[in-house]
Amino acid sequence: EEAAEQRRLQAAANIAARRQQKAALLPDEPAVGSAGIATIRVRLPDGKNCQRRFGSHTTVQVLYDWVDSLEGFDSLNYSLVSAFPKRVFGKDSAGQSLEAAGLVPQGALFVQVFDDEGVVEQA
């Protein structure tokens, strides 16, 4: 039982460290009304909505870094998905700009979480 508690505490510490590391990588948020910005809204699995502005040439990878930095989100295996039109922005889209991804001037995404075998988890 003590070993299980140690593993849980270590996992929580790892998630906190990842959150800090990813937050440090984020570019400054552009000012409201700036030219060439994308306003991105992401719905987390718990239903919470988060919104942030990014430059239009920012890559999809930065969106993953942002989601990884959000308090209360601990999943490692997930994809960012737009509902309409349905499009999965997987890790293979990481180098694509938000503009090329069709997320400028705004994009609405949700987080689709996978288990260790790659099966979509239902909320």
C-alpha atoms as a PDB file:
ATOM      1  CA  GLU A   1       0.000   0.000   0.000  1.00  0.00           C
ATOM      2  CA  GLU A   2       2.854   2.367   0.787  1.00  0.00           C
ATOM      3  CA  ALA A   3       4.489   1.584  -2.578  1.00  0.00           C
ATOM      4  CA  ALA A   4       1.236   2.410  -4.384  1.00  0.00           C
ATOM      5  CA  GLU A   5       1.063   5.735  -2.559  1.00  0.00           C
ATOM      6  CA  GLN A   6       4.675   6.470  -3.518  1.00  0.00           C
ATOM      7  CA  ARG A   7       3.873   5.737  -7.199  1.00  0.00           C
ATOM      8  CA  ARG A   8       0.831   8.028  -7.019  1.00  0.00           C
ATOM      9  CA  LEU A   9       2.858  10.843  -5.482  1.00  0.00           C
ATOM     10  CA  GLN A  10       5.634  10.403  -8.056  1.00  0.00           C
ATOM     11  CA  ALA A  11       3.100  10.482 -10.913  1.00  0.00           C
ATOM     12  CA  ALA A  12       1.580  13.679  -9.511  1.00  0.00           C
ATOM     13  CA  ALA A  13       5.057  15.236  -9.222  1.00  0.00           C
ATOM     14  CA  ASN A  14       5.854  14.252 -12.818  1.00  0.00           C
ATOM     15  CA  ILE A  15       2.619  15.843 -14.065  1.00  0.00           C
ATOM     16  CA  ALA A  16       3.318  19.053 -12.122  1.00  0.00           C
ATOM     17  CA  ALA A  17       6.850  19.212 -13.562  1.00  0.00           C
ATOM     18  CA  ARG A  18       5.533  18.642 -17.101  1.00  0.00           C
ATOM     19  CA  ARG A  19       2.900  21.361 -16.579  1.00  0.00           C
ATOM     20  CA  GLN A  20       5.594  23.858 -15.511  1.00  0.00           C
ATOM     21  CA  GLN A  21       7.933  22.865 -18.333  1.00  0.00           C
ATOM     22  CA  LYS A  22       5.243  23.227 -20.999  1.00  0.00           C
ATOM     23  CA  ALA A  23       4.016  26.567 -19.587  1.00  0.00           C
ATOM     24  CA  ALA A  24       7.578  27.920 -19.840  1.00  0.00           C
ATOM     25  CA  LEU A  25       7.646  27.045 -23.563  1.00  0.00           C
ATOM     26  CA  LEU A  26       4.523  29.037 -24.417  1.00  0.00           C
ATOM     27  CA  PRO A  27       4.955  32.263 -26.382  1.00  0.00           C
ATOM     28  CA  ASP A  28       3.499  35.453 -24.973  1.00  0.00           C
ATOM     29  CA  GLU A  29      -0.201  35.803 -25.678  1.00  0.00           C
ATOM     30  CA  PRO A  30      -0.874  38.425 -28.404  1.00  0.00           C
ATOM     31  CA  ALA A  31      -2.938  41.437 -27.393  1.00  0.00           C
ATOM     32  CA  VAL A  32      -6.640  41.531 -28.213  1.00  0.00           C
ATOM     33  CA  GLY A  33      -7.149  43.087 -31.640  1.00  0.00           C
ATOM     34  CA  SER A  34      -3.634  42.304 -32.873  1.00  0.00           C
ATOM     35  CA  ALA A  35      -3.299  41.410 -36.545  1.00  0.00           C
ATOM     36  CA  GLY A  36      -2.713  37.782 -37.465  1.00  0.00           C
ATOM     37  CA  ILE A  37      -3.987  36.083 -34.345  1.00  0.00           C
ATOM     38  CA  ALA A  38      -5.937  32.912 -33.730  1.00  0.00           C
ATOM     39  CA  THR A  39      -8.297  32.632 -30.790  1.00  0.00           C
ATOM     40  CA  ILE A  40      -8.396  28.994 -29.753  1.00  0.00           C
ATOM     41  CA  ARG A  41     -10.958  27.468 -27.409  1.00  0.00           C
ATOM     42  CA  VAL A  42     -10.405  23.957 -26.087  1.00  0.00           C
ATOM     43  CA  ARG A  43     -12.944  21.843 -24.219  1.00  0.00           C
ATOM     44  CA  LEU A  44     -11.320  19.466 -21.754  1.00  0.00           C
ATOM     45  CA  PRO A  45     -12.741  16.011 -20.942  1.00  0.00           C
ATOM     46  CA  ASP A  46     -14.259  17.342 -17.683  1.00  0.00           C
ATOM     47  CA  GLY A  47     -16.264  19.918 -19.688  1.00  0.00           C
ATOM     48  CA  LYS A  48     -14.098  22.892 -18.741  1.00  0.00           C
ATOM     49  CA  ASN A  49     -13.473  25.373 -21.581  1.00  0.00           C
ATOM     50  CA  CYS A  50     -10.157  27.202 -21.901  1.00  0.00           C
ATOM     51  CA  GLN A  51      -9.371  29.987 -24.361  1.00  0.00           C
ATOM     52  CA  ARG A  52      -6.148  31.670 -25.452  1.00  0.00           C
ATOM     53  CA  ARG A  53      -4.797  33.767 -28.328  1.00  0.00           C
ATOM     54  CA  PHE A  54      -1.830  32.693 -30.475  1.00  0.00           C
ATOM     55  CA  GLY A  55      -0.041  34.118 -33.497  1.00  0.00           C
ATOM     56  CA  SER A  56      -1.335  32.654 -36.770  1.00  0.00           C
ATOM     57  CA  HIS A  57       2.092  31.192 -37.584  1.00  0.00           C
ATOM     58  CA  THR A  58       2.242  29.353 -34.256  1.00  0.00           C
ATOM     59  CA  THR A  59       2.365  25.583 -34.728  1.00  0.00           C
ATOM     60  CA  VAL A  60      -0.144  22.993 -33.572  1.00  0.00           C
ATOM     61  CA  GLN A  61       2.594  21.695 -31.232  1.00  0.00           C
ATOM     62  CA  VAL A  62       2.242  24.896 -29.210  1.00  0.00           C
ATOM     63  CA  LEU A  63      -1.456  24.066 -28.712  1.00  0.00           C
ATOM     64  CA  TYR A  64      -0.395  20.698 -27.272  1.00  0.00           C
ATOM     65  CA  ASP A  65       2.095  22.481 -24.998  1.00  0.00           C
ATOM     66  CA  TRP A  66      -0.683  24.835 -23.863  1.00  0.00           C
ATOM     67  CA  VAL A  67      -3.098  21.974 -23.100  1.00  0.00           C
ATOM     68  CA  ASP A  68      -0.312  20.125 -21.259  1.00  0.00           C
ATOM     69  CA  SER A  69       0.190  23.243 -19.099  1.00  0.00           C
ATOM     70  CA  LEU A  70      -3.463  23.544 -18.019  1.00  0.00           C
ATOM     71  CA  GLU A  71      -4.296  22.909 -14.367  1.00  0.00           C
ATOM     72  CA  GLY A  72      -6.495  19.868 -13.838  1.00  0.00           C
ATOM     73  CA  PHE A  73      -5.583  18.125 -17.108  1.00  0.00           C
ATOM     74  CA  ASP A  74      -3.301  15.150 -16.502  1.00  0.00           C
ATOM     75  CA  SER A  75      -3.599  12.921 -19.591  1.00  0.00           C
ATOM     76  CA  LEU A  76      -0.547  12.085 -21.660  1.00  0.00           C
ATOM     77  CA  ASN A  77      -2.317  10.310 -24.529  1.00  0.00           C
ATOM     78  CA  TYR A  78      -4.716  12.561 -26.395  1.00  0.00           C
ATOM     79  CA  SER A  79      -5.491  14.323 -29.642  1.00  0.00           C
ATOM     80  CA  LEU A  80      -6.975  17.730 -30.360  1.00  0.00           C
ATOM     81  CA  VAL A  81     -10.089  17.471 -32.518  1.00  0.00           C
ATOM     82  CA  SER A  82     -12.329  19.999 -34.253  1.00  0.00           C
ATOM     83  CA  ALA A  83     -15.994  19.056 -34.212  1.00  0.00           C
ATOM     84  CA  PHE A  84     -17.048  20.722 -37.471  1.00  0.00           C
ATOM     85  CA  PRO A  85     -15.658  19.856 -39.818  1.00  0.00           C
ATOM     86  CA  LYS A  86     -14.450  16.804 -37.896  1.00  0.00           C
ATOM     87  CA  ARG A  87     -10.687  16.846 -38.051  1.00  0.00           C
ATOM     88  CA  VAL A  88      -8.103  15.266 -35.778  1.00  0.00           C
ATOM     89  CA  PHE A  89      -4.986  17.324 -35.161  1.00  0.00           C
ATOM     90  CA  GLY A  90      -2.761  14.468 -34.062  1.00  0.00           C
ATOM     91  CA  LYS A  91       0.925  14.524 -33.268  1.00  0.00           C
ATOM     92  CA  ASP A  92       1.547  14.289 -37.046  1.00  0.00           C
ATOM     93  CA  SER A  93       0.053  17.808 -37.355  1.00  0.00           C
ATOM     94  CA  ALA A  94       2.470  19.242 -34.773  1.00  0.00           C
ATOM     95  CA  GLY A  95       4.560  21.218 -37.270  1.00  0.00           C
ATOM     96  CA  GLN A  96       1.593  22.727 -39.104  1.00  0.00           C
ATOM     97  CA  SER A  97       0.811  26.415 -38.536  1.00  0.00           C
ATOM     98  CA  LEU A  98      -2.553  27.378 -37.074  1.00  0.00           C
ATOM     99  CA  GLU A  99      -3.250  29.269 -40.293  1.00  0.00           C
ATOM    100  CA  ALA A 100      -2.517  26.210 -42.462  1.00  0.00           C
ATOM    101  CA  ALA A 101      -4.637  24.102 -40.094  1.00  0.00           C
ATOM    102  CA  GLY A 102      -7.644  26.390 -40.689  1.00  0.00           C
ATOM    103  CA  LEU A 103      -7.714  27.637 -37.089  1.00  0.00           C
ATOM    104  CA  VAL A 104      -7.393  31.360 -37.909  1.00  0.00           C
ATOM    105  CA  PRO A 105      -9.076  33.640 -36.892  1.00  0.00           C
ATOM    106  CA  GLN A 106     -10.599  31.191 -34.427  1.00  0.00           C
ATOM    107  CA  GLY A 107     -10.799  27.517 -33.686  1.00  0.00           C
ATOM    108  CA  ALA A 108     -12.860  25.355 -31.369  1.00  0.00           C
ATOM    109  CA  LEU A 109     -11.275  22.067 -30.373  1.00  0.00           C
ATOM    110  CA  PHE A 110     -11.927  19.319 -27.888  1.00  0.00           C
ATOM    111  CA  VAL A 111      -9.526  16.924 -26.223  1.00  0.00           C
ATOM    112  CA  GLN A 112      -9.968  13.267 -27.160  1.00  0.00           C
ATOM    113  CA  VAL A 113      -8.195  11.078 -24.574  1.00  0.00           C
ATOM    114  CA  PHE A 114      -6.811   7.607 -25.311  1.00  0.00           C
ATOM    115  CA  ASP A 115      -5.918   4.781 -22.978  1.00  0.00           C
ATOM    116  CA  ASP A 116      -2.511   3.053 -23.173  1.00  0.00           C
ATOM    117  CA  GLU A 117      -3.693   0.850 -26.067  1.00  0.00           C
ATOM    118  CA  GLY A 118      -4.866   3.821 -28.151  1.00  0.00           C
ATOM    119  CA  VAL A 119      -8.573   3.280 -27.504  1.00  0.00           C
ATOM    120  CA  VAL A 120     -10.650   6.436 -27.089  1.00  0.00           C
ATOM    121  CA  GLU A 121     -11.788   6.856 -23.483  1.00  0.00           C
ATOM    122  CA  GLN A 122     -15.371   7.925 -22.989  1.00  0.00           C
ATOM    123  CA  ALA A 123     -15.965  10.831 -20.643  1.00  0.00           C
END
